[in-house]
Amino acid sequence: MRRLINMIDLDCANCAQRMEANIAKLNGVKYISVNFLTQKMVIEIDDNFDFDEVMKYVKKTVKIINRDTDIEYL
């Protein structure tokens, strides 16, 4: 399943790169792209994984890298 995610208060290009690199390592993530300029994330989760469960770890990773940034499903 592929989803477009709105990145709220992402104010650091380096943070966006770190988020992308770390989220790519999560089990179930097939594709990830974090675009600092558009404030969007595109993520694809393997069909064998529960999307909501993987997204809990995605959100946790985002918060660890930049506690002011949040995500919102579009």
PDB file of N, CA and C in Angstrom:
ATOM      1  N   MET A   1       0.848  -1.170   0.000  1.00  0.00           N
ATOM      2  CA  MET A   1       0.000   0.000   0.000  1.00  0.00           C
ATOM      3  C   MET A   1       0.898   1.240   0.000  1.00  0.00           C
ATOM      4  N   ARG A   2       0.631   2.154  -0.906  1.00  0.00           N
ATOM      5  CA  ARG A   2       1.387   3.394  -1.001  1.00  0.00           C
ATOM      6  C   ARG A   2       0.501   4.547  -0.528  1.00  0.00           C
ATOM      7  N   ARG A   3       1.087   5.424   0.313  1.00  0.00           N
ATOM      8  CA  ARG A   3       0.333   6.568   0.850  1.00  0.00           C
ATOM      9  C   ARG A   3       1.167   7.839   0.760  1.00  0.00           C
ATOM     10  N   LEU A   4       0.472   8.949   0.648  1.00  0.00           N
ATOM     11  CA  LEU A   4       1.078  10.275   0.701  1.00  0.00           C
ATOM     12  C   LEU A   4       0.817  10.831   2.097  1.00  0.00           C
ATOM     13  N   ILE A   5       1.887  11.285   2.742  1.00  0.00           N
ATOM     14  CA  ILE A   5       1.817  11.769   4.113  1.00  0.00           C
ATOM     15  C   ILE A   5       2.261  13.222   4.145  1.00  0.00           C
ATOM     16  N   ASN A   6       1.515  14.054   4.846  1.00  0.00           N
ATOM     17  CA  ASN A   6       1.874  15.455   5.040  1.00  0.00           C
ATOM     18  C   ASN A   6       2.823  15.551   6.226  1.00  0.00           C
ATOM     19  N   MET A   7       3.950  16.232   6.039  1.00  0.00           N
ATOM     20  CA  MET A   7       4.920  16.442   7.113  1.00  0.00           C
ATOM     21  C   MET A   7       4.645  17.818   7.720  1.00  0.00           C
ATOM     22  N   ILE A   8       4.313  17.859   8.986  1.00  0.00           N
ATOM     23  CA  ILE A   8       3.960  19.111   9.652  1.00  0.00           C
ATOM     24  C   ILE A   8       5.173  19.610  10.436  1.00  0.00           C
ATOM     25  N   ASP A   9       5.558  20.861  10.176  1.00  0.00           N
ATOM     26  CA  ASP A   9       6.679  21.518  10.861  1.00  0.00           C
ATOM     27  C   ASP A   9       8.023  20.840  10.622  1.00  0.00           C
ATOM     28  N   LEU A  10       8.229  20.324   9.424  1.00  0.00           N
ATOM     29  CA  LEU A  10       9.540  19.796   9.044  1.00  0.00           C
ATOM     30  C   LEU A  10      10.372  20.984   8.574  1.00  0.00           C
ATOM     31  N   ASP A  11      11.312  21.429   9.408  1.00  0.00           N
ATOM     32  CA  ASP A  11      12.048  22.656   9.109  1.00  0.00           C
ATOM     33  C   ASP A  11      13.545  22.435   8.932  1.00  0.00           C
ATOM     34  N   CYS A  12      13.941  21.200   8.640  1.00  0.00           N
ATOM     35  CA  CYS A  12      15.364  20.874   8.554  1.00  0.00           C
ATOM     36  C   CYS A  12      15.575  19.862   7.426  1.00  0.00           C
ATOM     37  N   ALA A  13      16.300  20.260   6.387  1.00  0.00           N
ATOM     38  CA  ALA A  13      16.550  19.366   5.255  1.00  0.00           C
ATOM     39  C   ALA A  13      17.373  18.152   5.682  1.00  0.00           C
ATOM     40  N   ASN A  14      18.324  18.359   6.581  1.00  0.00           N
ATOM     41  CA  ASN A  14      19.126  17.247   7.073  1.00  0.00           C
ATOM     42  C   ASN A  14      18.251  16.256   7.844  1.00  0.00           C
ATOM     43  N   CYS A  15      17.315  16.758   8.605  1.00  0.00           N
ATOM     44  CA  CYS A  15      16.394  15.891   9.343  1.00  0.00           C
ATOM     45  C   CYS A  15      15.559  15.052   8.370  1.00  0.00           C
ATOM     46  N   ALA A  16      15.098  15.661   7.285  1.00  0.00           N
ATOM     47  CA  ALA A  16      14.311  14.941   6.283  1.00  0.00           C
ATOM     48  C   ALA A  16      15.121  13.788   5.706  1.00  0.00           C
ATOM     49  N   GLN A  17      16.402  14.027   5.431  1.00  0.00           N
ATOM     50  CA  GLN A  17      17.276  12.991   4.894  1.00  0.00           C
ATOM     51  C   GLN A  17      17.480  11.881   5.912  1.00  0.00           C
ATOM     52  N   ARG A  18      17.675  12.243   7.176  1.00  0.00           N
ATOM     53  CA  ARG A  18      17.857  11.245   8.237  1.00  0.00           C
ATOM     54  C   ARG A  18      16.587  10.423   8.441  1.00  0.00           C
ATOM     55  N   MET A  19      15.421  11.087   8.372  1.00  0.00           N
ATOM     56  CA  MET A  19      14.155  10.364   8.499  1.00  0.00           C
ATOM     57  C   MET A  19      14.032   9.330   7.388  1.00  0.00           C
ATOM     58  N   GLU A  20      14.301   9.758   6.166  1.00  0.00           N
ATOM     59  CA  GLU A  20      14.196   8.862   5.025  1.00  0.00           C
ATOM     60  C   GLU A  20      15.129   7.653   5.193  1.00  0.00           C
ATOM     61  N   ALA A  21      16.369   7.897   5.582  1.00  0.00           N
ATOM     62  CA  ALA A  21      17.344   6.822   5.733  1.00  0.00           C
ATOM     63  C   ALA A  21      16.939   5.849   6.840  1.00  0.00           C
ATOM     64  N   ASN A  22      16.457   6.355   7.951  1.00  0.00           N
ATOM     65  CA  ASN A  22      16.083   5.495   9.078  1.00  0.00           C
ATOM     66  C   ASN A  22      14.772   4.757   8.847  1.00  0.00           C
ATOM     67  N   ILE A  23      13.812   5.405   8.231  1.00  0.00           N
ATOM     68  CA  ILE A  23      12.526   4.754   7.951  1.00  0.00           C
ATOM     69  C   ILE A  23      12.720   3.646   6.917  1.00  0.00           C
ATOM     70  N   ALA A  24      13.640   3.836   5.985  1.00  0.00           N
ATOM     71  CA  ALA A  24      13.918   2.817   4.966  1.00  0.00           C
ATOM     72  C   ALA A  24      14.383   1.507   5.597  1.00  0.00           C
ATOM     73  N   LYS A  25      14.948   1.558   6.790  1.00  0.00           N
ATOM     74  CA  LYS A  25      15.445   0.365   7.487  1.00  0.00           C
ATOM     75  C   LYS A  25      14.350  -0.400   8.233  1.00  0.00           C
ATOM     76  N   LEU A  26      13.172   0.200   8.377  1.00  0.00           N
ATOM     77  CA  LEU A  26      12.095  -0.446   9.129  1.00  0.00           C
ATOM     78  C   LEU A  26      11.532  -1.644   8.360  1.00  0.00           C
ATOM     79  N   ASN A  27      11.211  -2.709   9.095  1.00  0.00           N
ATOM     80  CA  ASN A  27      10.583  -3.884   8.484  1.00  0.00           C
ATOM     81  C   ASN A  27       9.253  -3.485   7.857  1.00  0.00           C
ATOM     82  N   GLY A  28       9.045  -3.929   6.645  1.00  0.00           N
ATOM     83  CA  GLY A  28       7.786  -3.682   5.949  1.00  0.00           C
ATOM     84  C   GLY A  28       7.805  -2.485   5.027  1.00  0.00           C
ATOM     85  N   VAL A  29       8.811  -1.634   5.128  1.00  0.00           N
ATOM     86  CA  VAL A  29       8.882  -0.446   4.272  1.00  0.00           C
ATOM     87  C   VAL A  29       9.548  -0.840   2.956  1.00  0.00           C
ATOM     88  N   LYS A  30       8.781  -0.738   1.863  1.00  0.00           N
ATOM     89  CA  LYS A  30       9.306  -1.060   0.532  1.00  0.00           C
ATOM     90  C   LYS A  30       9.913   0.165  -0.141  1.00  0.00           C
ATOM     91  N   TYR A  31       9.321   1.326   0.114  1.00  0.00           N
ATOM     92  CA  TYR A  31       9.765   2.566  -0.531  1.00  0.00           C
ATOM     93  C   TYR A  31       9.464   3.727   0.405  1.00  0.00           C
ATOM     94  N   ILE A  32      10.402   4.682   0.452  1.00  0.00           N
ATOM     95  CA  ILE A  32      10.194   5.880   1.259  1.00  0.00           C
ATOM     96  C   ILE A  32      10.878   7.053   0.581  1.00  0.00           C
ATOM     97  N   SER A  33      10.187   8.168   0.536  1.00  0.00           N
ATOM     98  CA  SER A  33      10.762   9.410   0.033  1.00  0.00           C
ATOM     99  C   SER A  33      10.224  10.546   0.893  1.00  0.00           C
ATOM    100  N   VAL A  34      11.134  11.328   1.470  1.00  0.00           N
ATOM    101  CA  VAL A  34      10.750  12.491   2.262  1.00  0.00           C
ATOM    102  C   VAL A  34      11.248  13.715   1.521  1.00  0.00           C
ATOM    103  N   ASN A  35      10.325  14.581   1.123  1.00  0.00           N
ATOM    104  CA  ASN A  35      10.676  15.776   0.366  1.00  0.00           C
ATOM    105  C   ASN A  35      10.537  16.996   1.277  1.00  0.00           C
ATOM    106  N   PHE A  36      11.671  17.583   1.607  1.00  0.00           N
ATOM    107  CA  PHE A  36      11.692  18.736   2.500  1.00  0.00           C
ATOM    108  C   PHE A  36      10.964  19.935   1.889  1.00  0.00           C
ATOM    109  N   LEU A  37      11.153  20.172   0.601  1.00  0.00           N
ATOM    110  CA  LEU A  37      10.568  21.357  -0.035  1.00  0.00           C
ATOM    111  C   LEU A  37       9.045  21.303  -0.096  1.00  0.00           C
ATOM    112  N   THR A  38       8.498  20.129  -0.390  1.00  0.00           N
ATOM    113  CA  THR A  38       7.032  20.018  -0.490  1.00  0.00           C
ATOM    114  C   THR A  38       6.382  19.619   0.831  1.00  0.00           C
ATOM    115  N   GLN A  39       7.222  19.252   1.830  1.00  0.00           N
ATOM    116  CA  GLN A  39       6.723  18.824   3.139  1.00  0.00           C
ATOM    117  C   GLN A  39       5.849  17.577   3.021  1.00  0.00           C
ATOM    118  N   LYS A  40       6.266  16.653   2.139  1.00  0.00           N
ATOM    119  CA  LYS A  40       5.501  15.426   1.905  1.00  0.00           C
ATOM    120  C   LYS A  40       6.397  14.203   2.040  1.00  0.00           C
ATOM    121  N   MET A  41       5.793  13.114   2.467  1.00  0.00           N
ATOM    122  CA  MET A  41       6.438  11.813   2.504  1.00  0.00           C
ATOM    123  C   MET A  41       5.591  10.869   1.658  1.00  0.00           C
ATOM    124  N   VAL A  42       6.248  10.089   0.825  1.00  0.00           N
ATOM    125  CA  VAL A  42       5.584   9.014   0.104  1.00  0.00           C
ATOM    126  C   VAL A  42       6.148   7.725   0.672  1.00  0.00           C
ATOM    127  N   ILE A  43       5.263   6.859   1.121  1.00  0.00           N
ATOM    128  CA  ILE A  43       5.711   5.602   1.733  1.00  0.00           C
ATOM    129  C   ILE A  43       4.895   4.459   1.162  1.00  0.00           C
ATOM    130  N   GLU A  44       5.601   3.361   0.914  1.00  0.00           N
ATOM    131  CA  GLU A  44       4.931   2.139   0.471  1.00  0.00           C
ATOM    132  C   GLU A  44       5.277   1.034   1.455  1.00  0.00           C
ATOM    133  N   ILE A  45       4.241   0.395   1.966  1.00  0.00           N
ATOM    134  CA  ILE A  45       4.382  -0.681   2.944  1.00  0.00           C
ATOM    135  C   ILE A  45       4.066  -2.004   2.257  1.00  0.00           C
ATOM    136  N   ASP A  46       4.894  -3.001   2.516  1.00  0.00           N
ATOM    137  CA  ASP A  46       4.684  -4.340   1.978  1.00  0.00           C
ATOM    138  C   ASP A  46       3.303  -4.845   2.413  1.00  0.00           C
ATOM    139  N   ASP A  47       2.605  -5.494   1.515  1.00  0.00           N
ATOM    140  CA  ASP A  47       1.246  -5.988   1.797  1.00  0.00           C
ATOM    141  C   ASP A  47       1.206  -7.030   2.910  1.00  0.00           C
ATOM    142  N   ASN A  48       2.333  -7.652   3.208  1.00  0.00           N
ATOM    143  CA  ASN A  48       2.384  -8.661   4.264  1.00  0.00           C
ATOM    144  C   ASN A  48       2.461  -8.050   5.663  1.00  0.00           C
ATOM    145  N   PHE A  49       2.561  -6.724   5.741  1.00  0.00           N
ATOM    146  CA  PHE A  49       2.671  -6.031   7.019  1.00  0.00           C
ATOM    147  C   PHE A  49       1.428  -5.185   7.253  1.00  0.00           C
ATOM    148  N   ASP A  50       1.071  -5.002   8.522  1.00  0.00           N
ATOM    149  CA  ASP A  50      -0.048  -4.146   8.890  1.00  0.00           C
ATOM    150  C   ASP A  50       0.377  -2.683   8.748  1.00  0.00           C
ATOM    151  N   PHE A  51      -0.308  -1.942   7.900  1.00  0.00           N
ATOM    152  CA  PHE A  51       0.072  -0.557   7.599  1.00  0.00           C
ATOM    153  C   PHE A  51       0.104   0.298   8.859  1.00  0.00           C
ATOM    154  N   ASP A  52      -0.940   0.221   9.665  1.00  0.00           N
ATOM    155  CA  ASP A  52      -1.016   1.060  10.868  1.00  0.00           C
ATOM    156  C   ASP A  52       0.094   0.735  11.867  1.00  0.00           C
ATOM    157  N   GLU A  53       0.449  -0.527  11.962  1.00  0.00           N
ATOM    158  CA  GLU A  53       1.519  -0.928  12.884  1.00  0.00           C
ATOM    159  C   GLU A  53       2.869  -0.374  12.426  1.00  0.00           C
ATOM    160  N   VAL A  54       3.143  -0.471  11.144  1.00  0.00           N
ATOM    161  CA  VAL A  54       4.399   0.081  10.612  1.00  0.00           C
ATOM    162  C   VAL A  54       4.418   1.600  10.792  1.00  0.00           C
ATOM    163  N   MET A  55       3.281   2.244  10.586  1.00  0.00           N
ATOM    164  CA  MET A  55       3.225   3.707  10.701  1.00  0.00           C
ATOM    165  C   MET A  55       3.463   4.177  12.138  1.00  0.00           C
ATOM    166  N   LYS A  56       3.173   3.341  13.133  1.00  0.00           N
ATOM    167  CA  LYS A  56       3.504   3.698  14.517  1.00  0.00           C
ATOM    168  C   LYS A  56       5.012   3.874  14.655  1.00  0.00           C
ATOM    169  N   TYR A  57       5.772   2.977  14.038  1.00  0.00           N
ATOM    170  CA  TYR A  57       7.234   3.064  14.092  1.00  0.00           C
ATOM    171  C   TYR A  57       7.753   4.212  13.232  1.00  0.00           C
ATOM    172  N   VAL A  58       7.075   4.485  12.141  1.00  0.00           N
ATOM    173  CA  VAL A  58       7.454   5.630  11.300  1.00  0.00           C
ATOM    174  C   VAL A  58       7.301   6.915  12.104  1.00  0.00           C
ATOM    175  N   LYS A  59       6.158   7.072  12.760  1.00  0.00           N
ATOM    176  CA  LYS A  59       5.911   8.279  13.557  1.00  0.00           C
ATOM    177  C   LYS A  59       6.923   8.390  14.692  1.00  0.00           C
ATOM    178  N   LYS A  60       7.235   7.275  15.332  1.00  0.00           N
ATOM    179  CA  LYS A  60       8.217   7.284  16.410  1.00  0.00           C
ATOM    180  C   LYS A  60       9.585   7.707  15.881  1.00  0.00           C
ATOM    181  N   THR A  61       9.969   7.224  14.725  1.00  0.00           N
ATOM    182  CA  THR A  61      11.247   7.592  14.107  1.00  0.00           C
ATOM    183  C   THR A  61      11.285   9.077  13.791  1.00  0.00           C
ATOM    184  N   VAL A  62      10.202   9.603  13.245  1.00  0.00           N
ATOM    185  CA  VAL A  62      10.111  11.033  12.937  1.00  0.00           C
ATOM    186  C   VAL A  62      10.304  11.849  14.213  1.00  0.00           C
ATOM    187  N   LYS A  63       9.632  11.470  15.279  1.00  0.00           N
ATOM    188  CA  LYS A  63       9.711  12.205  16.549  1.00  0.00           C
ATOM    189  C   LYS A  63      11.095  12.127  17.192  1.00  0.00           C
ATOM    190  N   ILE A  64      11.780  10.994  17.043  1.00  0.00           N
ATOM    191  CA  ILE A  64      13.134  10.865  17.584  1.00  0.00           C
ATOM    192  C   ILE A  64      14.083  11.822  16.872  1.00  0.00           C
ATOM    193  N   ILE A  65      13.931  11.944  15.570  1.00  0.00           N
ATOM    194  CA  ILE A  65      14.829  12.801  14.792  1.00  0.00           C
ATOM    195  C   ILE A  65      14.504  14.273  14.981  1.00  0.00           C
ATOM    196  N   ASN A  66      13.221  14.614  15.018  1.00  0.00           N
ATOM    197  CA  ASN A  66      12.817  16.011  15.214  1.00  0.00           C
ATOM    198  C   ASN A  66      11.482  16.009  15.964  1.00  0.00           C
ATOM    199  N   ARG A  67      11.534  16.270  17.247  1.00  0.00           N
ATOM    200  CA  ARG A  67      10.323  16.159  18.072  1.00  0.00           C
ATOM    201  C   ARG A  67       9.223  17.140  17.687  1.00  0.00           C
ATOM    202  N   ASP A  68       9.546  18.206  16.946  1.00  0.00           N
ATOM    203  CA  ASP A  68       8.544  19.187  16.542  1.00  0.00           C
ATOM    204  C   ASP A  68       7.795  18.782  15.273  1.00  0.00           C
ATOM    205  N   THR A  69       8.288  17.795  14.568  1.00  0.00           N
ATOM    206  CA  THR A  69       7.672  17.364  13.316  1.00  0.00           C
ATOM    207  C   THR A  69       6.619  16.308  13.600  1.00  0.00           C
ATOM    208  N   ASP A  70       5.498  16.400  12.879  1.00  0.00           N
ATOM    209  CA  ASP A  70       4.424  15.419  13.007  1.00  0.00           C
ATOM    210  C   ASP A  70       4.024  14.970  11.611  1.00  0.00           C
ATOM    211  N   ILE A  71       3.258  13.895  11.541  1.00  0.00           N
ATOM    212  CA  ILE A  71       2.788  13.411  10.253  1.00  0.00           C
ATOM    213  C   ILE A  71       1.267  13.362  10.233  1.00  0.00           C
ATOM    214  N   GLU A  72       0.709  13.517   9.028  1.00  0.00           N
ATOM    215  CA  GLU A  72      -0.746  13.528   8.854  1.00  0.00           C
ATOM    216  C   GLU A  72      -1.062  12.830   7.545  1.00  0.00           C
ATOM    217  N   TYR A  73      -1.932  11.836   7.590  1.00  0.00           N
ATOM    218  CA  TYR A  73      -2.324  11.128   6.367  1.00  0.00           C
ATOM    219  C   TYR A  73      -3.138  12.047   5.470  1.00  0.00           C
ATOM    220  N   LEU A  74      -2.874  11.970   4.189  1.00  0.00           N
ATOM    221  CA  LEU A  74      -3.667  12.733   3.212  1.00  0.00           C
ATOM    222  C   LEU A  74      -4.636  11.822   2.509  1.00  0.00           C
TER     223      LEU A  74
END
